[in-house]
């Protein structure tokens, strides 16, 4: 069962990414990709294939945007931590 708080936070993050004032589509696309990766983990929590690689990808992505987008990066970090705590 999905954690409702995590789902709500992820949906909020997706909306903030969609509405952010960013001219660079590549940046928006990368952020959307990270959000989709989290969504995929929620949709398939038992899928252990490449589990560590997925978490590393998410963590690296959150760090990569930390300077220019600290709030969004912090949200990603919080979601990643929630995934870990849920054992996903």
N, C-alpha and C. Protein backbone atom coordinates (compact mmCIF):
# COMPACT_ATOMS: atom_id res chain seq x y z
N UNK A 1 0.84 -1.19 0.00
CA UNK A 1 0.00 0.00 0.00
C UNK A 1 0.88 1.25 0.00
N UNK A 2 0.52 2.18 -0.83
CA UNK A 2 1.29 3.42 -0.93
C UNK A 2 1.05 4.29 0.29
N UNK A 3 2.09 4.96 0.72
CA UNK A 3 1.98 5.91 1.81
C UNK A 3 1.32 7.18 1.26
N UNK A 4 0.17 7.54 1.80
CA UNK A 4 -0.60 8.67 1.28
C UNK A 4 0.16 9.99 1.38
N UNK A 5 0.92 10.18 2.45
CA UNK A 5 1.70 11.41 2.59
C UNK A 5 2.74 11.51 1.48
N UNK A 6 3.39 10.40 1.18
CA UNK A 6 4.38 10.38 0.11
C UNK A 6 3.72 10.68 -1.23
N UNK A 7 2.58 10.08 -1.48
CA UNK A 7 1.86 10.32 -2.74
C UNK A 7 1.46 11.79 -2.85
N UNK A 8 0.95 12.36 -1.78
CA UNK A 8 0.54 13.76 -1.80
C UNK A 8 1.74 14.68 -2.04
N UNK A 9 2.84 14.41 -1.37
CA UNK A 9 4.03 15.24 -1.56
C UNK A 9 4.56 15.11 -2.98
N UNK A 10 4.54 13.90 -3.52
CA UNK A 10 5.01 13.70 -4.88
C UNK A 10 4.12 14.45 -5.87
N UNK A 11 2.82 14.40 -5.69
CA UNK A 11 1.90 15.13 -6.58
C UNK A 11 2.15 16.64 -6.48
N UNK A 12 2.38 17.14 -5.27
CA UNK A 12 2.69 18.56 -5.10
C UNK A 12 3.98 18.94 -5.79
N UNK A 13 4.98 18.07 -5.68
CA UNK A 13 6.26 18.32 -6.32
C UNK A 13 6.11 18.36 -7.84
N UNK A 14 5.34 17.42 -8.37
CA UNK A 14 5.11 17.39 -9.83
C UNK A 14 4.47 18.70 -10.29
N UNK A 15 3.52 19.21 -9.52
CA UNK A 15 2.86 20.47 -9.88
C UNK A 15 3.83 21.63 -9.82
N UNK A 16 4.68 21.67 -8.79
CA UNK A 16 5.66 22.74 -8.68
C UNK A 16 6.66 22.70 -9.84
N UNK A 17 7.06 21.51 -10.24
CA UNK A 17 7.97 21.40 -11.39
C UNK A 17 7.28 21.91 -12.64
N UNK A 18 6.03 21.52 -12.83
CA UNK A 18 5.28 21.94 -14.01
C UNK A 18 5.11 23.46 -14.05
N UNK A 19 4.93 24.08 -12.89
CA UNK A 19 4.65 25.51 -12.81
C UNK A 19 5.88 26.38 -12.59
N UNK A 20 7.05 25.76 -12.45
CA UNK A 20 8.24 26.55 -12.15
C UNK A 20 8.61 27.45 -13.32
N UNK A 21 9.20 28.56 -13.00
CA UNK A 21 9.61 29.53 -14.01
C UNK A 21 10.99 29.14 -14.54
N UNK A 22 10.99 28.19 -15.42
CA UNK A 22 12.25 27.66 -15.96
C UNK A 22 12.16 27.65 -17.48
N UNK A 23 13.05 28.37 -18.10
CA UNK A 23 13.08 28.46 -19.56
C UNK A 23 13.74 27.24 -20.20
N UNK A 24 14.62 26.61 -19.46
CA UNK A 24 15.38 25.47 -19.98
C UNK A 24 14.54 24.19 -19.88
N UNK A 25 14.03 23.74 -21.00
CA UNK A 25 13.20 22.53 -21.02
C UNK A 25 13.97 21.30 -20.57
N UNK A 26 15.28 21.27 -20.81
CA UNK A 26 16.10 20.12 -20.40
C UNK A 26 16.09 19.99 -18.88
N UNK A 27 16.15 21.11 -18.17
CA UNK A 27 16.13 21.09 -16.71
C UNK A 27 14.78 20.57 -16.23
N UNK A 28 13.71 21.12 -16.78
CA UNK A 28 12.37 20.68 -16.39
C UNK A 28 12.21 19.19 -16.67
N UNK A 29 12.71 18.75 -17.82
CA UNK A 29 12.61 17.34 -18.21
C UNK A 29 13.35 16.44 -17.22
N UNK A 30 14.53 16.86 -16.79
CA UNK A 30 15.30 16.07 -15.82
C UNK A 30 14.58 15.98 -14.48
N UNK A 31 14.00 17.09 -14.05
CA UNK A 31 13.25 17.10 -12.79
C UNK A 31 12.01 16.21 -12.90
N UNK A 32 11.34 16.27 -14.04
CA UNK A 32 10.17 15.42 -14.25
C UNK A 32 10.57 13.95 -14.28
N UNK A 33 11.74 13.67 -14.86
CA UNK A 33 12.24 12.30 -14.89
C UNK A 33 12.49 11.78 -13.48
N UNK A 34 13.06 12.61 -12.62
CA UNK A 34 13.29 12.20 -11.24
C UNK A 34 11.97 11.92 -10.52
N UNK A 35 11.00 12.80 -10.74
CA UNK A 35 9.68 12.60 -10.12
C UNK A 35 9.03 11.32 -10.64
N UNK A 36 9.19 11.05 -11.93
CA UNK A 36 8.62 9.84 -12.50
C UNK A 36 9.30 8.59 -11.95
N UNK A 37 10.59 8.69 -11.70
CA UNK A 37 11.32 7.56 -11.10
C UNK A 37 10.75 7.23 -9.73
N UNK A 38 10.44 8.26 -8.95
CA UNK A 38 9.82 8.03 -7.64
C UNK A 38 8.44 7.41 -7.82
N UNK A 39 7.68 7.92 -8.78
CA UNK A 39 6.35 7.37 -9.06
C UNK A 39 6.45 5.90 -9.43
N UNK A 40 7.43 5.56 -10.27
CA UNK A 40 7.62 4.16 -10.68
C UNK A 40 7.94 3.27 -9.49
N UNK A 41 8.75 3.77 -8.55
CA UNK A 41 9.06 2.98 -7.35
C UNK A 41 7.81 2.78 -6.50
N UNK A 42 6.96 3.79 -6.43
CA UNK A 42 5.72 3.65 -5.68
C UNK A 42 4.77 2.66 -6.35
N UNK A 43 4.73 2.70 -7.67
CA UNK A 43 3.84 1.82 -8.41
C UNK A 43 4.30 0.37 -8.37
N UNK A 44 5.60 0.15 -8.24
CA UNK A 44 6.18 -1.20 -8.23
C UNK A 44 7.14 -1.37 -7.06
N UNK A 45 6.64 -1.29 -5.83
CA UNK A 45 7.54 -1.33 -4.67
C UNK A 45 8.28 -2.66 -4.50
N UNK A 46 7.74 -3.73 -5.03
CA UNK A 46 8.38 -5.04 -4.88
C UNK A 46 9.48 -5.28 -5.91
N UNK A 47 9.57 -4.39 -6.91
CA UNK A 47 10.56 -4.53 -7.97
C UNK A 47 11.94 -4.17 -7.41
N UNK A 48 12.70 -5.19 -7.05
CA UNK A 48 14.01 -4.99 -6.44
C UNK A 48 15.14 -4.80 -7.46
N UNK A 49 14.82 -5.03 -8.73
CA UNK A 49 15.83 -4.92 -9.77
C UNK A 49 16.40 -3.50 -9.79
N UNK A 50 17.69 -3.41 -9.69
CA UNK A 50 18.40 -2.13 -9.74
C UNK A 50 17.97 -1.17 -8.63
N UNK A 51 17.52 -1.70 -7.51
CA UNK A 51 17.04 -0.88 -6.40
C UNK A 51 18.08 0.16 -5.96
N UNK A 52 19.30 -0.30 -5.71
CA UNK A 52 20.35 0.62 -5.27
C UNK A 52 20.68 1.65 -6.35
N UNK A 53 20.66 1.22 -7.61
CA UNK A 53 20.96 2.13 -8.71
C UNK A 53 19.89 3.22 -8.80
N UNK A 54 18.64 2.84 -8.58
CA UNK A 54 17.54 3.82 -8.64
C UNK A 54 17.70 4.84 -7.52
N UNK A 55 17.98 4.38 -6.32
CA UNK A 55 18.17 5.32 -5.20
C UNK A 55 19.36 6.23 -5.45
N UNK A 56 20.44 5.68 -5.97
CA UNK A 56 21.61 6.50 -6.28
C UNK A 56 21.27 7.56 -7.32
N UNK A 57 20.53 7.15 -8.35
CA UNK A 57 20.11 8.07 -9.41
C UNK A 57 19.29 9.21 -8.81
N UNK A 58 18.36 8.88 -7.93
CA UNK A 58 17.53 9.90 -7.30
C UNK A 58 18.36 10.84 -6.43
N UNK A 59 19.24 10.27 -5.64
CA UNK A 59 20.07 11.09 -4.75
C UNK A 59 20.99 12.00 -5.54
N UNK A 60 21.60 11.49 -6.59
CA UNK A 60 22.47 12.31 -7.43
C UNK A 60 21.69 13.43 -8.10
N UNK A 61 20.49 13.11 -8.55
CA UNK A 61 19.65 14.13 -9.17
C UNK A 61 19.28 15.23 -8.20
N UNK A 62 18.93 14.87 -6.98
CA UNK A 62 18.56 15.86 -5.97
C UNK A 62 19.74 16.78 -5.68
N UNK A 63 20.93 16.21 -5.59
CA UNK A 63 22.13 17.00 -5.31
C UNK A 63 22.46 17.92 -6.49
N UNK A 64 22.27 17.44 -7.71
CA UNK A 64 22.61 18.21 -8.90
C UNK A 64 21.82 19.52 -8.99
N UNK A 65 20.62 19.54 -8.43
CA UNK A 65 19.78 20.73 -8.51
C UNK A 65 19.77 21.55 -7.23
N UNK A 66 20.61 21.17 -6.28
CA UNK A 66 20.59 21.80 -4.95
C UNK A 66 20.91 23.29 -4.98
N UNK A 67 21.85 23.71 -5.81
CA UNK A 67 22.27 25.11 -5.81
C UNK A 67 21.21 26.01 -6.46
N UNK A 68 20.74 25.63 -7.63
CA UNK A 68 19.80 26.48 -8.36
C UNK A 68 18.36 26.34 -7.86
N UNK A 69 18.01 25.15 -7.39
CA UNK A 69 16.64 24.87 -6.94
C UNK A 69 16.65 24.21 -5.56
N UNK A 70 17.08 24.94 -4.54
CA UNK A 70 17.22 24.30 -3.21
C UNK A 70 15.91 23.76 -2.64
N UNK A 71 14.80 24.42 -2.87
CA UNK A 71 13.53 23.95 -2.31
C UNK A 71 13.09 22.66 -3.00
N UNK A 72 13.19 22.62 -4.31
CA UNK A 72 12.80 21.40 -5.04
C UNK A 72 13.75 20.27 -4.69
N UNK A 73 15.03 20.57 -4.59
CA UNK A 73 16.00 19.55 -4.21
C UNK A 73 15.69 19.00 -2.83
N UNK A 74 15.34 19.87 -1.90
CA UNK A 74 15.00 19.44 -0.54
C UNK A 74 13.75 18.54 -0.56
N UNK A 75 12.80 18.86 -1.42
CA UNK A 75 11.60 18.02 -1.53
C UNK A 75 11.96 16.64 -2.05
N UNK A 76 12.83 16.59 -3.07
CA UNK A 76 13.27 15.29 -3.57
C UNK A 76 13.98 14.50 -2.48
N UNK A 77 14.85 15.16 -1.72
CA UNK A 77 15.58 14.48 -0.65
C UNK A 77 14.61 13.93 0.39
N UNK A 78 13.58 14.69 0.71
CA UNK A 78 12.59 14.25 1.69
C UNK A 78 11.82 13.02 1.16
N UNK A 79 11.44 13.06 -0.12
CA UNK A 79 10.74 11.93 -0.72
C UNK A 79 11.62 10.69 -0.78
N UNK A 80 12.89 10.87 -1.11
CA UNK A 80 13.82 9.75 -1.16
C UNK A 80 13.95 9.12 0.23
N UNK A 81 14.03 9.95 1.24
CA UNK A 81 14.14 9.45 2.61
C UNK A 81 12.87 8.68 3.00
N UNK A 82 11.72 9.18 2.58
CA UNK A 82 10.47 8.48 2.86
C UNK A 82 10.44 7.13 2.17
N UNK A 83 10.92 7.06 0.93
CA UNK A 83 11.00 5.78 0.23
C UNK A 83 11.88 4.80 0.98
N UNK A 84 13.03 5.28 1.43
CA UNK A 84 13.95 4.42 2.17
C UNK A 84 13.30 3.91 3.45
N UNK A 85 12.63 4.81 4.16
CA UNK A 85 11.99 4.42 5.43
C UNK A 85 10.86 3.40 5.22
N UNK A 86 10.25 3.44 4.05
CA UNK A 86 9.20 2.49 3.73
C UNK A 86 9.76 1.17 3.22
N UNK A 87 11.07 1.16 2.98
CA UNK A 87 11.69 -0.05 2.47
C UNK A 87 11.49 -0.24 0.98
N UNK A 88 11.18 0.84 0.30
CA UNK A 88 10.97 0.77 -1.16
C UNK A 88 12.26 1.10 -1.87
